[in-house]
Amino acid sequence: MLSIEKVNGISNKIKEMIKNSPLEDAEKNINALLKGVFTKMEFVSREEFDVQAEVLRNTRQKLELLEIKLTELEAKQKP
């Protein structure tokens, strides 16, 4: 059975080989490509989505209050 030290050693050797090979460049290029595609697709981060959802909730609350006030004003105008 392989010891943890041997497994870590093999893992480190693989990381070193990848670091000094074209695979590292390929990984960077793929990441840049995916970021570009997601930007063009207009995806938003979860944080941006949560902020916009909160803005929408606040706007809905304000609209509901304005609708209530409008109903009250209309009721006062009727003889």
N, C-alpha and C. Protein backbone atom coordinates (compact mmCIF):
# COMPACT_ATOMS: atom_id res chain seq x y z
N MET A 1 0.84 -1.18 0.00
CA MET A 1 0.00 0.00 0.00
C MET A 1 0.89 1.25 0.00
N LEU A 2 0.45 2.30 -0.71
CA LEU A 2 1.22 3.52 -0.78
C LEU A 2 1.01 4.35 0.48
N SER A 3 2.09 4.93 0.95
CA SER A 3 1.96 5.79 2.12
C SER A 3 1.49 7.17 1.67
N ILE A 4 1.01 7.94 2.62
CA ILE A 4 0.51 9.29 2.33
C ILE A 4 1.64 10.15 1.77
N GLU A 5 2.85 9.95 2.29
CA GLU A 5 3.98 10.74 1.81
C GLU A 5 4.25 10.46 0.33
N LYS A 6 4.17 9.18 -0.06
CA LYS A 6 4.41 8.82 -1.46
C LYS A 6 3.33 9.40 -2.37
N VAL A 7 2.08 9.34 -1.90
CA VAL A 7 0.97 9.89 -2.69
C VAL A 7 1.15 11.40 -2.84
N ASN A 8 1.50 12.08 -1.76
CA ASN A 8 1.74 13.53 -1.83
C ASN A 8 2.91 13.85 -2.74
N GLY A 9 3.95 13.02 -2.68
CA GLY A 9 5.11 13.22 -3.55
C GLY A 9 4.74 13.09 -5.02
N ILE A 10 3.95 12.08 -5.34
CA ILE A 10 3.51 11.89 -6.72
C ILE A 10 2.63 13.05 -7.16
N SER A 11 1.74 13.47 -6.28
CA SER A 11 0.86 14.59 -6.59
C SER A 11 1.67 15.86 -6.85
N ASN A 12 2.66 16.10 -6.03
CA ASN A 12 3.49 17.29 -6.22
C ASN A 12 4.28 17.22 -7.52
N LYS A 13 4.78 16.03 -7.87
CA LYS A 13 5.53 15.87 -9.13
C LYS A 13 4.61 16.15 -10.33
N ILE A 14 3.37 15.68 -10.26
CA ILE A 14 2.40 15.93 -11.34
C ILE A 14 2.11 17.41 -11.45
N LYS A 15 1.94 18.07 -10.32
CA LYS A 15 1.69 19.52 -10.33
C LYS A 15 2.86 20.26 -10.95
N GLU A 16 4.09 19.86 -10.63
CA GLU A 16 5.27 20.51 -11.20
C GLU A 16 5.34 20.29 -12.70
N MET A 17 5.00 19.07 -13.13
CA MET A 17 5.04 18.78 -14.57
C MET A 17 4.02 19.63 -15.31
N ILE A 18 2.84 19.78 -14.74
CA ILE A 18 1.79 20.57 -15.39
C ILE A 18 2.16 22.04 -15.38
N LYS A 19 2.77 22.50 -14.28
CA LYS A 19 3.13 23.90 -14.17
C LYS A 19 4.10 24.31 -15.28
N ASN A 20 4.98 23.43 -15.66
CA ASN A 20 6.00 23.74 -16.67
C ASN A 20 5.63 23.23 -18.06
N SER A 21 4.37 22.95 -18.27
CA SER A 21 3.96 22.42 -19.57
C SER A 21 2.89 23.32 -20.20
N PRO A 22 2.58 23.05 -21.44
CA PRO A 22 1.53 23.83 -22.11
C PRO A 22 0.14 23.65 -21.49
N LEU A 23 -0.04 22.63 -20.66
CA LEU A 23 -1.34 22.41 -20.03
C LEU A 23 -1.74 23.60 -19.16
N GLU A 24 -0.77 24.21 -18.49
CA GLU A 24 -1.09 25.36 -17.64
C GLU A 24 -1.62 26.50 -18.50
N ASP A 25 -0.99 26.75 -19.64
CA ASP A 25 -1.47 27.79 -20.55
C ASP A 25 -2.86 27.45 -21.09
N ALA A 26 -3.07 26.19 -21.39
CA ALA A 26 -4.38 25.77 -21.90
C ALA A 26 -5.46 26.02 -20.86
N GLU A 27 -5.15 25.72 -19.60
CA GLU A 27 -6.13 25.94 -18.53
C GLU A 27 -6.46 27.42 -18.42
N LYS A 28 -5.45 28.28 -18.49
CA LYS A 28 -5.69 29.72 -18.42
C LYS A 28 -6.53 30.19 -19.60
N ASN A 29 -6.23 29.67 -20.79
CA ASN A 29 -6.99 30.05 -21.98
C ASN A 29 -8.44 29.59 -21.90
N ILE A 30 -8.64 28.39 -21.40
CA ILE A 30 -10.01 27.88 -21.26
C ILE A 30 -10.79 28.72 -20.25
N ASN A 31 -10.15 29.08 -19.14
CA ASN A 31 -10.82 29.92 -18.14
C ASN A 31 -11.19 31.27 -18.74
N ALA A 32 -10.28 31.87 -19.48
CA ALA A 32 -10.56 33.17 -20.10
C ALA A 32 -11.69 33.04 -21.12
N LEU A 33 -11.68 31.96 -21.89
CA LEU A 33 -12.73 31.73 -22.88
C LEU A 33 -14.09 31.59 -22.21
N LEU A 34 -14.15 30.81 -21.13
CA LEU A 34 -15.43 30.61 -20.43
C LEU A 34 -15.93 31.91 -19.83
N LYS A 35 -15.03 32.69 -19.24
CA LYS A 35 -15.45 33.98 -18.68
C LYS A 35 -16.02 34.88 -19.77
N GLY A 36 -15.39 34.87 -20.94
CA GLY A 36 -15.89 35.68 -22.06
C GLY A 36 -17.26 35.23 -22.52
N VAL A 37 -17.45 33.93 -22.61
CA VAL A 37 -18.74 33.39 -23.04
C VAL A 37 -19.83 33.74 -22.03
N PHE A 38 -19.52 33.57 -20.75
CA PHE A 38 -20.52 33.88 -19.72
C PHE A 38 -20.85 35.37 -19.71
N THR A 39 -19.87 36.21 -19.97
CA THR A 39 -20.12 37.65 -20.03
C THR A 39 -21.04 37.98 -21.19
N LYS A 40 -20.78 37.37 -22.34
CA LYS A 40 -21.63 37.61 -23.51
C LYS A 40 -23.05 37.11 -23.28
N MET A 41 -23.19 36.06 -22.50
CA MET A 41 -24.51 35.50 -22.22
C MET A 41 -25.22 36.31 -21.15
N GLU A 42 -24.53 37.30 -20.61
CA GLU A 42 -25.07 38.20 -19.60
C GLU A 42 -25.48 37.47 -18.32
N PHE A 43 -24.72 36.45 -17.96
CA PHE A 43 -24.92 35.81 -16.67
C PHE A 43 -24.50 36.78 -15.59
N VAL A 44 -25.12 36.70 -14.44
CA VAL A 44 -24.74 37.54 -13.31
C VAL A 44 -24.33 36.63 -12.15
N SER A 45 -23.55 37.19 -11.27
CA SER A 45 -23.14 36.42 -10.10
C SER A 45 -24.32 36.30 -9.14
N ARG A 46 -24.20 35.37 -8.23
CA ARG A 46 -25.26 35.18 -7.23
C ARG A 46 -25.41 36.44 -6.39
N GLU A 47 -24.29 37.09 -6.09
CA GLU A 47 -24.32 38.32 -5.30
C GLU A 47 -25.10 39.41 -6.03
N GLU A 48 -24.83 39.58 -7.33
CA GLU A 48 -25.56 40.58 -8.11
C GLU A 48 -27.05 40.25 -8.16
N PHE A 49 -27.36 38.96 -8.32
CA PHE A 49 -28.76 38.54 -8.36
C PHE A 49 -29.46 38.86 -7.05
N ASP A 50 -28.80 38.55 -5.93
CA ASP A 50 -29.40 38.81 -4.62
C ASP A 50 -29.64 40.30 -4.40
N VAL A 51 -28.70 41.14 -4.84
CA VAL A 51 -28.86 42.59 -4.70
C VAL A 51 -30.07 43.05 -5.51
N GLN A 52 -30.19 42.59 -6.74
CA GLN A 52 -31.31 43.00 -7.58
C GLN A 52 -32.64 42.48 -7.05
N ALA A 53 -32.63 41.28 -6.47
CA ALA A 53 -33.85 40.74 -5.88
C ALA A 53 -34.30 41.60 -4.70
N GLU A 54 -33.35 42.06 -3.90
CA GLU A 54 -33.67 42.93 -2.76
C GLU A 54 -34.23 44.27 -3.25
N VAL A 55 -33.63 44.82 -4.29
CA VAL A 55 -34.13 46.08 -4.88
C VAL A 55 -35.57 45.89 -5.36
N LEU A 56 -35.83 44.76 -6.00
CA LEU A 56 -37.18 44.48 -6.49
C LEU A 56 -38.17 44.36 -5.35
N ARG A 57 -37.78 43.67 -4.26
CA ARG A 57 -38.67 43.55 -3.09
C ARG A 57 -39.00 44.93 -2.53
N ASN A 58 -37.99 45.77 -2.38
CA ASN A 58 -38.22 47.12 -1.85
C ASN A 58 -39.12 47.93 -2.76
N THR A 59 -38.92 47.81 -4.05
CA THR A 59 -39.74 48.54 -5.01
C THR A 59 -41.20 48.07 -4.95
N ARG A 60 -41.40 46.78 -4.81
CA ARG A 60 -42.76 46.25 -4.70
C ARG A 60 -43.45 46.78 -3.44
N GLN A 61 -42.72 46.83 -2.33
CA GLN A 61 -43.30 47.36 -1.09
C GLN A 61 -43.70 48.82 -1.25
N LYS A 62 -42.84 49.61 -1.88
CA LYS A 62 -43.16 51.02 -2.10
C LYS A 62 -44.38 51.17 -3.02
N LEU A 63 -44.45 50.33 -4.04
CA LEU A 63 -45.59 50.38 -4.95
C LEU A 63 -46.88 50.05 -4.22
N GLU A 64 -46.84 49.03 -3.36
CA GLU A 64 -48.04 48.66 -2.60
C GLU A 64 -48.49 49.81 -1.70
N LEU A 65 -47.53 50.48 -1.05
CA LEU A 65 -47.89 51.62 -0.20
C LEU A 65 -48.48 52.76 -1.02
N LEU A 66 -47.90 53.02 -2.17
CA LEU A 66 -48.44 54.08 -3.04
C LEU A 66 -49.84 53.74 -3.54
N GLU A 67 -50.08 52.46 -3.84
CA GLU A 67 -51.41 52.06 -4.27
C GLU A 67 -52.43 52.27 -3.16
N ILE A 68 -52.06 51.98 -1.93
CA ILE A 68 -52.95 52.19 -0.78
C ILE A 68 -53.24 53.68 -0.62
N LYS A 69 -52.21 54.51 -0.70
CA LYS A 69 -52.40 55.96 -0.57
C LYS A 69 -53.29 56.49 -1.69
N LEU A 70 -53.07 55.99 -2.90
CA LEU A 70 -53.89 56.43 -4.04
C LEU A 70 -55.35 56.06 -3.82
N THR A 71 -55.59 54.86 -3.35
CA THR A 71 -56.96 54.42 -3.07
C THR A 71 -57.60 55.31 -2.01
N GLU A 72 -56.84 55.67 -0.97
CA GLU A 72 -57.36 56.54 0.09
C GLU A 72 -57.68 57.94 -0.46
N LEU A 73 -56.78 58.45 -1.30
CA LEU A 73 -57.02 59.79 -1.89
C LEU A 73 -58.24 59.77 -2.81
N GLU A 74 -58.38 58.71 -3.58
CA GLU A 74 -59.53 58.62 -4.47
C GLU A 74 -60.82 58.53 -3.67
N ALA A 75 -60.77 57.82 -2.55
CA ALA A 75 -61.96 57.69 -1.70
C ALA A 75 -62.34 59.04 -1.10
N LYS A 76 -61.37 59.85 -0.77
CA LYS A 76 -61.65 61.19 -0.20
C LYS A 76 -62.23 62.13 -1.27
N GLN A 77 -61.90 61.94 -2.50
CA GLN A 77 -62.37 62.81 -3.58
C GLN A 77 -63.83 62.55 -3.93
N LYS A 78 -64.29 61.34 -3.71
CA LYS A 78 -65.67 60.99 -4.07
C LYS A 78 -66.64 61.61 -3.06
N PRO A 79 -67.67 62.28 -3.58
CA PRO A 79 -68.65 62.87 -2.66
C PRO A 79 -69.61 61.88 -2.07
